[in-house]
Amino acid sequence: MPCQLVIFDCDGVLVDTEAVANRFLARLLGSSGYVVSYEDCRRRFVGRTIEAVQEMVERESGLSLGADWPAKVRAGTEEAFRAGIEPVPGAEAAILALCKAGVPFCVASSGRFSKMRASLGKAGLLPLVEHVLFSAEQVARGKPAPDLFLFAARSMGAAPEDTVVIEDSVPGVLAGIAAGMRVLGYAGDPLTDADGLRAAGAEVFDDMAKTPTLI
C-alpha cells in the first residue's frame, strides 16, 4: 500500500525550537530548585507534555511546582519564541513536495495549539499546515502513548499501518511504534539522541528535505 498519511511532529521536526524551549525550561526549573543542565533537559524531557515534565520532576525531587506551573512554562516559552524561530532546514521543501505528490500530511504535537501556531507562524510555515494541526490536548494521554497519532490518523482517514510518523524524540518514536505506524527519526540536530531513536524503533535520517523520497 502507498503511504496514506505523513504525520509530522512540530518542535525539532518542522520548527527549530528545541534549543530555545529547553534553555528556558532549564532556567525555570533551576529557579524552582530543580537544577538541570540544558543538555540533560533536552535528553530527559523532549517530546513530553509540560504536565508530564512536572510529574517527573515532582516525583523525583519532592518539590511542588504548583498548579500554575504549566501555564508559566507555556507563557515563557511562547514569549521566547517571539524573539525569532527558524524552520528546520528542508522542512518547507518536504511539505511542498508532499503537496505536489498528493500525499496527505498533518502535524501532531505534544504542545498546545497556541504554541504550535506561535512557533509555526514565526517560522513562516503556518499557512502550509494550519488546517491539519493536532495537539495532545485533544487526547487523554500524550506521547509515548499512541493516542495522539491514532487520533490524527483517524481524523485524516488513514489506516495506522499506512501512516508514516516523523519524530525527533524517543517518546514520540515510542508513540508511533505503539500506534502501529512506520517511524522516521529525524536526527539533524547534533544533540538529538539518534541512538535512542534507533533503539526505540525508528529509521534514522538527518536531512528533512529527503522526507518525500524516504516514504
Protein backbone atom coordinates (compact mmCIF):
# COMPACT_ATOMS: atom_id res chain seq x y z
CA MET A 1 0.00 0.00 0.00
CA PRO A 2 1.24 3.52 -0.72
CA CYS A 3 1.64 5.91 2.18
CA GLN A 4 -1.79 7.33 3.07
CA LEU A 5 -0.57 9.93 5.55
CA VAL A 6 2.58 11.58 6.86
CA ILE A 7 2.39 12.86 10.44
CA PHE A 8 5.00 15.45 11.36
CA ASP A 9 5.91 16.26 14.93
CA CYS A 10 6.28 20.04 15.34
CA ASP A 11 9.15 21.06 17.63
CA GLY A 12 12.51 19.91 16.29
CA VAL A 13 10.95 18.46 13.13
CA LEU A 14 9.30 21.43 11.44
CA VAL A 15 10.45 24.31 13.63
CA ASP A 16 13.87 24.69 15.24
CA THR A 17 12.56 25.34 18.74
CA GLU A 18 14.27 22.76 20.94
CA ALA A 19 17.24 24.94 21.91
CA VAL A 20 15.10 27.97 22.81
CA ALA A 21 12.42 25.98 24.64
CA ASN A 22 14.79 23.78 26.62
CA ARG A 23 17.12 26.60 27.66
CA PHE A 24 14.10 28.42 29.07
CA LEU A 25 12.78 25.25 30.74
CA ALA A 26 16.17 24.53 32.35
CA ARG A 27 16.33 28.09 33.73
CA LEU A 28 12.78 27.90 35.09
CA LEU A 29 13.38 24.53 36.72
CA GLY A 30 16.60 25.84 38.27
CA SER A 31 14.82 28.83 39.76
CA SER A 32 12.29 26.40 41.25
CA GLY A 33 15.01 24.38 42.98
CA TYR A 34 15.50 21.61 40.41
CA VAL A 35 18.90 22.20 38.84
CA VAL A 36 19.29 20.60 35.41
CA SER A 37 21.61 21.40 32.52
CA TYR A 38 20.28 22.37 29.11
CA GLU A 39 21.65 19.13 27.65
CA ASP A 40 20.02 16.97 30.31
CA CYS A 41 16.80 18.91 29.95
CA ARG A 42 16.68 18.05 26.27
CA ARG A 43 17.65 14.44 26.82
CA ARG A 44 15.07 13.81 29.52
CA PHE A 45 12.09 15.95 28.62
CA VAL A 46 11.99 16.44 24.85
CA GLY A 47 8.78 15.19 23.31
CA ARG A 48 6.79 15.16 26.55
CA THR A 49 3.89 17.36 27.63
CA ILE A 50 4.57 20.03 30.24
CA GLU A 51 2.27 18.18 32.62
CA ALA A 52 4.37 15.01 32.20
CA VAL A 53 7.56 17.00 32.87
CA GLN A 54 6.04 18.45 36.04
CA GLU A 55 5.01 14.99 37.22
CA MET A 56 8.51 13.60 36.62
CA VAL A 57 10.25 16.49 38.40
CA GLU A 58 7.93 16.46 41.40
CA ARG A 59 8.16 12.69 41.76
CA GLU A 60 11.98 12.77 41.67
CA SER A 61 12.61 15.83 43.79
CA GLY A 62 9.70 16.08 46.18
CA LEU A 63 9.20 19.68 45.05
CA SER A 64 5.77 21.13 44.44
CA LEU A 65 5.94 23.30 41.33
CA GLY A 66 2.36 24.47 41.74
CA ALA A 67 -0.85 24.20 39.76
CA ASP A 68 0.08 27.23 37.67
CA TRP A 69 3.50 25.90 36.62
CA PRO A 70 2.42 24.57 33.18
CA ALA A 71 0.89 27.95 32.37
CA LYS A 72 4.16 29.67 33.37
CA VAL A 73 6.16 27.36 31.11
CA ARG A 74 3.85 27.89 28.16
CA ALA A 75 3.74 31.66 28.55
CA GLY A 76 7.50 31.94 28.94
CA THR A 77 8.19 29.61 26.02
CA GLU A 78 5.88 31.47 23.66
CA GLU A 79 7.48 34.76 24.74
CA ALA A 80 10.92 33.29 23.96
CA PHE A 81 9.67 32.20 20.54
CA ARG A 82 8.68 35.75 19.66
CA ALA A 83 12.37 36.68 19.57
CA GLY A 84 12.72 34.50 16.49
CA ILE A 85 12.23 30.92 15.38
CA GLU A 86 13.56 29.37 12.19
CA PRO A 87 12.10 26.43 10.29
CA VAL A 88 14.08 23.20 10.37
CA PRO A 89 16.22 23.17 7.21
CA GLY A 90 14.37 21.32 4.46
CA ALA A 91 11.01 21.31 6.27
CA GLU A 92 9.25 23.66 3.87
CA ALA A 93 10.67 21.80 0.87
CA ALA A 94 9.42 18.50 2.30
CA ILE A 95 5.90 19.83 2.84
CA LEU A 96 5.74 21.35 -0.63
CA ALA A 97 6.97 18.12 -2.19
CA LEU A 98 4.25 16.14 -0.40
CA CYS A 99 1.67 18.65 -1.63
CA LYS A 100 2.91 18.25 -5.20
CA ALA A 101 2.82 14.45 -4.92
CA GLY A 102 -0.67 14.50 -3.43
CA VAL A 103 0.39 12.79 -0.20
CA PRO A 104 -1.77 13.87 2.77
CA PHE A 105 0.05 15.17 5.83
CA CYS A 106 -0.64 16.70 9.22
CA VAL A 107 1.15 17.91 12.35
CA ALA A 108 0.68 16.17 15.72
CA SER A 109 2.45 17.73 18.70
CA SER A 110 2.70 17.37 22.46
CA GLY A 111 2.41 21.16 22.53
CA ARG A 112 -0.84 23.05 22.66
CA PHE A 113 -2.42 24.71 19.64
CA SER A 114 -1.34 28.15 20.83
CA LYS A 115 2.30 27.05 20.98
CA MET A 116 2.18 25.40 17.56
CA ARG A 117 0.59 28.42 15.95
CA ALA A 118 3.14 30.73 17.58
CA SER A 119 6.19 28.71 16.51
CA LEU A 120 4.94 27.70 13.05
CA GLY A 121 3.80 31.26 12.43
CA LYS A 122 7.15 32.73 13.42
CA ALA A 123 8.92 30.21 11.18
CA GLY A 124 6.65 31.00 8.22
CA LEU A 125 5.17 27.51 7.96
CA LEU A 126 1.73 28.05 9.47
CA PRO A 127 -0.07 28.78 6.16
CA LEU A 128 1.00 25.34 4.90
CA VAL A 129 -0.28 23.35 7.88
CA GLU A 130 -2.78 25.40 9.89
CA HIS A 131 -5.70 23.30 8.59
CA VAL A 132 -4.15 19.99 9.74
CA LEU A 133 -2.92 20.61 13.31
CA PHE A 134 -3.45 18.09 16.12
CA SER A 135 -2.47 18.55 19.76
CA ALA A 136 -2.06 16.32 22.79
CA GLU A 137 -4.71 18.48 24.47
CA GLN A 138 -7.25 16.59 22.29
CA VAL A 139 -6.49 13.16 23.77
CA ALA A 140 -6.37 11.51 27.19
CA ARG A 141 -2.69 10.55 27.09
CA GLY A 142 0.27 12.28 25.48
CA LYS A 143 3.36 10.66 23.99
CA PRO A 144 4.73 8.00 24.49
CA ALA A 145 1.13 6.72 24.44
CA PRO A 146 -0.16 6.24 20.88
CA ASP A 147 -3.39 8.21 21.44
CA LEU A 148 -2.43 11.38 19.57
CA PHE A 149 -1.13 9.66 16.45
CA LEU A 150 -4.12 7.30 16.31
CA PHE A 151 -6.48 10.26 16.72
CA ALA A 152 -4.72 12.20 13.95
CA ALA A 153 -4.74 9.25 11.55
CA ARG A 154 -8.40 8.52 12.25
CA SER A 155 -9.28 12.19 11.72
CA MET A 156 -7.38 12.22 8.44
CA GLY A 157 -8.98 8.97 7.25
CA ALA A 158 -5.75 6.95 7.18
CA ALA A 159 -5.01 3.47 8.47
CA PRO A 160 -2.20 3.28 11.06
CA GLU A 161 -0.29 0.69 9.05
CA ASP A 162 -0.26 3.04 6.05
CA THR A 163 0.88 6.08 8.06
CA VAL A 164 4.43 7.40 8.43
CA VAL A 165 5.39 9.40 11.52
CA ILE A 166 8.36 11.79 11.57
CA GLU A 167 9.73 12.35 15.07
CA ASP A 168 12.86 13.64 16.80
CA SER A 169 12.19 12.36 20.33
CA VAL A 170 12.23 8.92 21.91
CA PRO A 171 8.73 9.36 23.45
CA GLY A 172 7.45 10.35 20.00
CA VAL A 173 9.04 7.32 18.34
CA LEU A 174 7.60 5.03 21.02
CA ALA A 175 4.16 6.57 20.42
CA GLY A 176 4.38 5.97 16.69
CA ILE A 177 5.54 2.38 17.11
CA ALA A 178 2.80 1.72 19.65
CA ALA A 179 0.29 3.07 17.12
CA GLY A 180 1.46 0.51 14.57
CA MET A 181 2.98 3.13 12.27
CA ARG A 182 6.28 3.36 10.47
CA VAL A 183 8.51 5.95 12.18
CA LEU A 184 11.29 8.03 10.68
CA GLY A 185 13.57 9.52 13.34
CA TYR A 186 14.97 12.92 12.38
CA ALA A 187 18.44 13.46 13.84
CA GLY A 188 19.64 16.56 12.02
CA ASP A 189 20.38 18.35 15.30
CA PRO A 190 23.70 17.16 16.82
CA LEU A 191 22.08 16.99 20.28
CA THR A 192 19.35 14.63 19.11
CA ASP A 193 19.59 11.16 20.64
CA ALA A 194 19.99 9.29 17.35
CA ASP A 195 20.91 6.02 19.10
CA GLY A 196 17.86 6.35 21.31
CA LEU A 197 15.61 6.95 18.31
CA ARG A 198 17.01 3.88 16.58
CA ALA A 199 16.68 1.72 19.69
CA ALA A 200 13.05 2.81 20.04
CA GLY A 201 12.30 1.55 16.53
CA ALA A 202 12.83 4.50 14.19
CA GLU A 203 14.59 4.60 10.85
CA VAL A 204 17.04 7.43 11.48
CA PHE A 205 17.79 10.15 8.90
CA ASP A 206 19.35 13.61 9.05
CA ASP A 207 18.04 15.60 6.06
CA MET A 208 14.41 16.73 6.28
CA ALA A 209 14.34 17.63 2.58
CA LYS A 210 14.71 13.93 1.78
CA THR A 211 11.45 13.02 3.54
CA PRO A 212 9.43 12.51 0.34
CA THR A 213 11.95 10.02 -1.02
CA LEU A 214 12.09 8.11 2.28
CA ILE A 215 8.37 7.46 2.44
